[in-house]
Amino acid sequence: MTEVLQVQRPGLLATLQDYGRYGHLAEGITHGGPMDERAFLWGNRLLGNAFNAAQIEITLGQFQATFLQETLFVVTGADFPLKLNGAPVKTWRVVRAQAGDQLQLGVNDRGLRCYLAVAGGFQADPVFGSVATVVRDELGGLRQNGSPLQAGDKLTTGQPRTKTLETRRPSSRLNLTIAKQPTLSVVPAAQWSQFSRAAREQFVGQSYEVTAKQDRMGIRLSGAEALPDVPEGMISEPLPMGSIQVPANGQPIVMMNDHQTLGGYPKIGVLSWTSRSVLAQLPAGRKVQFRWQGLEEAQRELRQVWRFFNITRN
């Protein structure tokens, strides 16, 4: 392993993330991993990395770093202004950096998170089988204690698995842009049948605004009208990632990567894989609408994702 990058300015929040920490929910240990899985997986695919190779998740831009050796890199996710030695470079496209090159990410109001990947992936000692940073649980990251990246941190990289062409990017036939008001797919699940027909129809019939009450743990939404007839509280049970809880106030809360492993609010459904990645990019004030999606359709989408990105589980 050799040092490849030194952080000069981490911005609001920069964390080391691999695909996540799985198989430990029964111990109260959450998944972690990239909020926008789609962008993360594309970064590794473009570089020829293993799907699980660690990247830096950068929230709200304002990130600066220096490359310490020649490498190929790519930035995916939110389209923050990106510069290498002061010259603009494109996101979602593989770029070659030389030792001493300066990387700068600016800000915009169209997305929340981007992912910086390098050939071979960033390296750190795993905790419970993963380097994913979960600040709340003090797990993972460069120092294994859940702390975000700091100015001065140096990251190492592994040996690239394959040769990668510069300027490689996703096919132009793929539409990776996010609609101004996206429609998110939800699989009816858990306590869906306990919600009244009126509540289920209202859930997909009105739009919701993404609120400022959001982080890697969950995202609170606000609809013009609260859902009626919310089922009463229940004994806490396991929470899947992407589950949509509805507390007594009738306003949904979507559980994201760093969510607690148990919850006692009724759940009306679970977001599809693509919809979780879309929601993870929406700043406060953006609006979304929901649509019901059949379980088989959601499973088919997920199987296609796993095949395309060569995702495996032990």
Protein backbone atom coordinates (compact mmCIF):
# COMPACT_ATOMS: atom_id res chain seq x y z
CA MET A 1 0.00 0.00 0.00
CA THR A 2 1.23 3.49 -0.84
CA GLU A 3 0.01 6.94 0.12
CA VAL A 4 -2.10 8.37 -2.69
CA LEU A 5 -4.02 11.37 -1.32
CA GLN A 6 -3.74 13.99 1.41
CA VAL A 7 -6.83 15.88 2.54
CA GLN A 8 -6.33 19.64 2.65
CA ARG A 9 -9.90 20.67 3.43
CA PRO A 10 -12.62 18.09 4.19
CA GLY A 11 -15.57 20.46 3.84
CA LEU A 12 -18.68 19.94 5.96
CA LEU A 13 -18.36 16.15 6.10
CA ALA A 14 -16.02 13.76 4.31
CA THR A 15 -16.07 10.11 5.33
CA LEU A 16 -14.46 6.90 4.18
CA GLN A 17 -17.13 4.47 2.93
CA ASP A 18 -17.08 1.02 1.40
CA TYR A 19 -20.32 -0.80 0.49
CA GLY A 20 -21.30 -1.16 4.13
CA ARG A 21 -21.28 -3.33 7.23
CA TYR A 22 -23.63 -6.28 6.80
CA GLY A 23 -24.58 -9.22 9.02
CA HIS A 24 -24.47 -7.38 12.35
CA LEU A 25 -27.96 -5.91 12.77
CA ALA A 26 -28.74 -8.42 15.52
CA GLU A 27 -25.83 -6.90 17.47
CA GLY A 28 -27.29 -3.40 17.03
CA ILE A 29 -24.68 -2.45 14.41
CA THR A 30 -26.10 -0.60 11.41
CA HIS A 31 -25.04 -0.81 7.74
CA GLY A 32 -23.25 2.47 7.07
CA GLY A 33 -21.93 2.64 3.52
CA PRO A 34 -22.66 5.10 0.70
CA MET A 35 -25.91 7.04 0.83
CA ASP A 36 -26.00 7.14 -2.97
CA GLU A 37 -25.15 3.52 -3.76
CA ARG A 38 -25.66 4.03 -7.46
CA ALA A 39 -23.00 6.74 -7.71
CA PHE A 40 -20.62 4.76 -5.47
CA LEU A 41 -20.91 1.58 -7.52
CA TRP A 42 -20.42 3.45 -10.77
CA GLY A 43 -17.20 4.98 -9.44
CA ASN A 44 -15.72 1.57 -8.75
CA ARG A 45 -16.95 0.11 -12.03
CA LEU A 46 -15.42 2.91 -14.09
CA LEU A 47 -12.05 2.33 -12.43
CA GLY A 48 -12.19 -1.46 -12.60
CA ASN A 49 -12.22 -1.71 -8.78
CA ALA A 50 -14.00 -4.34 -6.76
CA PHE A 51 -17.56 -3.19 -6.04
CA ASN A 52 -16.69 -2.80 -2.35
CA ALA A 53 -13.52 -0.69 -2.75
CA ALA A 54 -13.58 2.24 -0.33
CA GLN A 55 -14.20 5.80 -1.53
CA ILE A 56 -14.58 9.21 0.08
CA GLU A 57 -18.18 10.38 0.46
CA ILE A 58 -18.16 14.19 0.33
CA THR A 59 -21.21 16.08 1.60
CA LEU A 60 -21.94 19.55 0.18
CA GLY A 61 -18.58 19.89 -1.57
CA GLN A 62 -15.93 22.40 -0.46
CA PHE A 63 -13.34 19.61 -0.49
CA GLN A 64 -9.65 19.99 -1.35
CA ALA A 65 -6.90 17.39 -1.55
CA THR A 66 -3.44 16.77 -3.01
CA PHE A 67 -2.52 13.63 -4.92
CA LEU A 68 0.68 12.08 -3.59
CA GLN A 69 1.32 9.76 -6.51
CA GLU A 70 0.14 9.23 -10.06
CA THR A 71 -3.28 7.59 -10.15
CA LEU A 72 -6.57 7.43 -11.97
CA PHE A 73 -9.60 8.84 -10.19
CA VAL A 74 -13.26 9.62 -10.78
CA VAL A 75 -15.85 11.73 -8.99
CA THR A 76 -19.48 10.59 -9.25
CA GLY A 77 -22.75 11.64 -7.64
CA ALA A 78 -23.76 15.29 -7.29
CA ASP A 79 -22.31 17.44 -10.06
CA PHE A 80 -20.18 19.75 -7.91
CA PRO A 81 -17.76 21.98 -9.83
CA LEU A 82 -14.54 19.97 -10.09
CA LYS A 83 -11.04 21.31 -10.79
CA LEU A 84 -7.61 19.73 -11.08
CA ASN A 85 -4.80 22.29 -10.67
CA GLY A 86 -7.37 25.02 -11.27
CA ALA A 87 -8.58 23.60 -14.61
CA PRO A 88 -12.16 22.29 -14.83
CA VAL A 89 -12.56 18.53 -15.25
CA LYS A 90 -15.73 16.52 -15.68
CA THR A 91 -17.43 14.41 -13.08
CA TRP A 92 -18.49 10.84 -13.96
CA ARG A 93 -15.35 10.51 -16.08
CA VAL A 94 -12.00 8.83 -15.28
CA VAL A 95 -9.15 11.34 -14.98
CA ARG A 96 -5.39 10.85 -14.51
CA ALA A 97 -3.68 12.77 -11.71
CA GLN A 98 0.04 13.21 -11.16
CA ALA A 99 1.89 13.50 -7.84
CA GLY A 100 1.41 17.03 -6.52
CA ASP A 101 -1.81 17.71 -8.41
CA GLN A 102 -4.43 19.70 -6.50
CA LEU A 103 -8.08 18.61 -6.50
CA GLN A 104 -10.84 21.06 -5.66
CA LEU A 105 -14.60 20.56 -5.38
CA GLY A 106 -16.92 23.54 -5.24
CA VAL A 107 -20.60 23.73 -4.27
CA ASN A 108 -23.96 23.79 -5.97
CA ASP A 109 -27.59 23.49 -4.92
CA ARG A 110 -28.53 20.54 -7.13
CA GLY A 111 -27.24 17.66 -5.01
CA LEU A 112 -25.82 16.77 -1.62
CA ARG A 113 -23.14 14.11 -2.02
CA CYS A 114 -20.38 13.04 -4.36
CA TYR A 115 -17.89 10.19 -4.27
CA LEU A 116 -14.15 10.35 -4.89
CA ALA A 117 -12.73 7.00 -6.00
CA VAL A 118 -9.18 6.08 -6.97
CA ALA A 119 -7.82 3.06 -8.83
CA GLY A 120 -7.30 0.29 -6.29
CA GLY A 121 -9.58 1.90 -3.71
CA PHE A 122 -8.66 3.62 -0.44
CA GLN A 123 -7.34 1.38 2.35
CA ALA A 124 -8.01 1.29 6.09
CA ASP A 125 -8.29 -1.37 8.78
CA PRO A 126 -11.84 -2.79 8.83
CA VAL A 127 -14.11 -2.87 11.88
CA PHE A 128 -16.66 -5.70 11.84
CA GLY A 129 -15.60 -6.46 8.30
CA SER A 130 -15.96 -2.95 6.87
CA VAL A 131 -14.21 0.42 6.79
CA ALA A 132 -17.55 2.27 6.48
CA THR A 133 -17.63 5.33 8.75
CA VAL A 134 -20.60 5.57 11.13
CA VAL A 135 -20.03 8.67 13.24
CA ARG A 136 -22.97 7.98 15.57
CA ASP A 137 -21.68 4.52 16.48
CA GLU A 138 -17.99 5.51 16.53
CA LEU A 139 -17.19 2.75 14.03
CA GLY A 140 -14.97 2.55 10.98
CA GLY A 141 -13.14 5.19 8.99
CA LEU A 142 -9.44 5.96 8.74
CA ARG A 143 -8.93 5.73 12.53
CA GLN A 144 -11.52 2.95 13.14
CA ASN A 145 -13.39 5.18 15.61
CA GLY A 146 -16.06 6.66 13.32
CA SER A 147 -14.38 10.06 13.02
CA PRO A 148 -14.72 11.92 9.69
CA LEU A 149 -11.68 12.74 7.59
CA GLN A 150 -9.69 15.75 8.76
CA ALA A 151 -7.28 18.20 7.16
CA GLY A 152 -3.87 16.56 6.94
CA ASP A 153 -5.13 12.98 6.72
CA LYS A 154 -3.21 10.80 4.26
CA LEU A 155 -4.93 7.89 2.57
CA THR A 156 -3.31 4.84 1.04
CA THR A 157 -4.44 2.77 -1.91
CA GLY A 158 -4.23 -0.85 -2.96
CA GLN A 159 -3.00 -2.33 -6.21
CA PRO A 160 -5.39 -1.69 -9.14
CA ARG A 161 -7.01 -4.90 -10.37
CA THR A 162 -7.23 -3.93 -14.04
CA LYS A 163 -5.99 -1.37 -16.53
CA THR A 164 -8.48 1.44 -16.91
CA LEU A 165 -8.78 3.85 -19.81
CA GLU A 166 -8.71 7.56 -19.13
CA THR A 167 -11.93 9.45 -19.91
CA ARG A 168 -13.99 6.27 -19.35
CA ARG A 169 -17.57 7.19 -18.42
CA PRO A 170 -21.05 5.65 -18.31
CA SER A 171 -22.82 5.17 -21.62
CA SER A 172 -24.64 8.24 -22.88
CA ARG A 173 -27.72 6.04 -23.18
CA LEU A 174 -27.99 5.86 -19.42
CA ASN A 175 -30.02 8.56 -17.71
CA LEU A 176 -28.38 9.26 -14.35
CA THR A 177 -29.89 12.72 -13.88
CA ILE A 178 -32.44 13.35 -11.15
CA ALA A 179 -35.79 14.87 -12.06
CA LYS A 180 -36.78 18.21 -10.55
CA GLN A 181 -39.57 16.43 -8.65
CA PRO A 182 -38.73 12.72 -8.74
CA THR A 183 -41.21 9.94 -8.18
CA LEU A 184 -39.89 7.41 -5.67
CA SER A 185 -40.93 3.76 -5.78
CA VAL A 186 -42.14 2.17 -2.55
CA VAL A 187 -42.79 -1.51 -1.87
CA PRO A 188 -45.80 -1.98 0.44
CA ALA A 189 -44.42 -3.73 3.51
CA ALA A 190 -44.53 -4.22 7.27
CA GLN A 191 -47.63 -2.42 8.64
CA TRP A 192 -48.94 -1.32 5.21
CA SER A 193 -52.21 -3.22 5.68
CA GLN A 194 -52.82 -1.49 9.03
CA PHE A 195 -52.97 1.93 7.37
CA SER A 196 -56.42 2.92 6.17
CA ARG A 197 -57.22 2.98 2.48
CA ALA A 198 -57.52 6.77 2.72
CA ALA A 199 -54.03 7.03 4.22
CA ARG A 200 -52.50 4.77 1.56
CA GLU A 201 -54.14 6.75 -1.24
CA GLN A 202 -53.06 10.07 0.26
CA PHE A 203 -49.49 8.81 0.63
CA VAL A 204 -49.13 8.41 -3.14
CA GLY A 205 -51.56 11.17 -4.05
CA GLN A 206 -49.73 14.18 -2.63
CA SER A 207 -46.18 15.47 -2.91
CA TYR A 208 -43.78 15.71 0.01
CA GLU A 209 -41.07 18.25 0.72
CA VAL A 210 -37.64 17.15 1.88
CA THR A 211 -36.96 18.98 5.14
CA ALA A 212 -33.71 20.24 6.67
CA LYS A 213 -34.13 17.59 9.37
CA GLN A 214 -31.99 15.03 7.60
CA ASP A 215 -28.65 13.28 7.96
CA ARG A 216 -27.12 9.90 7.23
CA MET A 217 -29.52 8.35 9.75
CA GLY A 218 -32.83 9.47 8.30
CA ILE A 219 -34.75 12.05 6.29
CA ARG A 220 -37.95 13.70 7.50
CA LEU A 221 -40.54 14.61 4.87
CA SER A 222 -43.41 17.06 5.08
CA GLY A 223 -46.70 16.77 3.25
CA ALA A 224 -49.41 19.42 2.99
CA GLU A 225 -51.71 17.06 4.85
CA ALA A 226 -50.68 14.58 7.53
CA LEU A 227 -51.59 10.97 6.88
CA PRO A 228 -54.85 10.12 8.69
CA ASP A 229 -55.54 7.07 10.84
CA VAL A 230 -51.89 6.29 11.63
CA PRO A 231 -51.71 2.92 13.42
CA GLU A 232 -50.85 3.07 17.09
CA GLY A 233 -47.32 2.58 18.37
CA MET A 234 -45.98 -0.94 18.41
CA ILE A 235 -43.27 -3.05 19.97
CA SER A 236 -39.93 -2.16 18.40
CA GLU A 237 -38.89 -4.41 15.53
CA PRO A 238 -36.01 -4.52 13.02
CA LEU A 239 -35.77 -1.62 10.58
CA PRO A 240 -34.69 -2.32 6.98
CA MET A 241 -32.74 0.38 5.16
CA GLY A 242 -35.10 2.58 3.19
CA SER A 243 -38.10 1.81 5.39
CA ILE A 244 -40.62 4.62 5.77
CA GLN A 245 -41.83 5.12 9.31
CA VAL A 246 -44.93 7.18 10.08
CA PRO A 247 -45.09 8.59 13.62
CA ALA A 248 -48.27 9.90 15.23
CA ASN A 249 -47.95 13.28 13.47
CA GLY A 250 -48.60 11.57 10.11
CA GLN A 251 -45.40 12.86 8.43
CA PRO A 252 -43.05 10.18 7.02
CA ILE A 253 -39.46 9.55 8.09
CA VAL A 254 -37.23 7.57 5.70
CA MET A 255 -34.55 5.49 7.40
CA MET A 256 -31.18 5.73 5.66
CA ASN A 257 -27.75 4.08 6.00
CA ASP A 258 -26.87 4.97 9.59
CA HIS A 259 -30.36 4.31 10.96
CA GLN A 260 -30.95 2.62 14.30
CA THR A 261 -31.54 -1.12 13.96
CA LEU A 262 -34.91 -1.16 15.78
CA GLY A 263 -37.94 1.11 15.56
CA GLY A 264 -41.39 1.34 17.10
CA TYR A 265 -43.25 3.48 14.55
CA PRO A 266 -45.45 1.74 11.96
CA LYS A 267 -43.90 1.40 8.51
CA ILE A 268 -45.95 1.95 5.38
CA GLY A 269 -43.31 0.58 2.99
CA VAL A 270 -39.69 0.42 1.88
CA LEU A 271 -38.00 2.49 -0.84
CA SER A 272 -36.61 0.72 -3.89
CA TRP A 273 -32.85 0.62 -4.46
CA THR A 274 -32.81 3.39 -7.08
CA SER A 275 -35.18 5.57 -5.08
CA ARG A 276 -32.92 5.47 -2.01
CA SER A 277 -30.00 6.76 -4.08
CA VAL A 278 -32.16 9.54 -5.56
CA LEU A 279 -33.50 10.66 -2.18
CA ALA A 280 -29.97 10.73 -0.75
CA GLN A 281 -29.13 13.55 -3.19
CA LEU A 282 -32.10 15.84 -2.54
CA PRO A 283 -31.49 19.03 -0.53
CA ALA A 284 -34.08 20.59 1.73
CA GLY A 285 -36.95 22.16 -0.19
CA ARG A 286 -37.02 19.64 -3.03
CA LYS A 287 -40.28 17.77 -3.51
CA VAL A 288 -40.94 14.11 -4.20
CA GLN A 289 -43.93 11.95 -4.91
CA PHE A 290 -44.38 8.25 -4.22
CA ARG A 291 -45.71 5.36 -6.27
CA TRP A 292 -46.40 1.81 -5.21
CA GLN A 293 -44.08 -0.83 -6.64
CA GLY A 294 -44.60 -4.58 -6.58
CA LEU A 295 -42.14 -6.72 -4.67
CA GLU A 296 -41.21 -8.75 -7.75
CA GLU A 297 -40.38 -5.59 -9.72
CA ALA A 298 -38.17 -4.30 -6.90
CA GLN A 299 -36.43 -7.66 -6.56
CA ARG A 300 -35.83 -7.83 -10.30
CA GLU A 301 -34.25 -4.36 -10.26
CA LEU A 302 -31.98 -5.36 -7.39
CA ARG A 303 -30.88 -8.59 -9.07
CA GLN A 304 -29.96 -6.62 -12.20
CA VAL A 305 -27.93 -4.18 -10.09
CA TRP A 306 -26.05 -6.99 -8.35
CA ARG A 307 -25.24 -8.68 -11.67
CA PHE A 308 -24.17 -5.48 -13.43
CA PHE A 309 -21.87 -4.33 -10.61
CA ASN A 310 -20.66 -7.84 -9.68
CA ILE A 311 -21.90 -7.54 -6.11
CA THR A 312 -21.29 -10.63 -4.00
CA ARG A 313 -22.02 -11.55 -0.40
CA ASN A 314 -20.19 -14.17 1.65
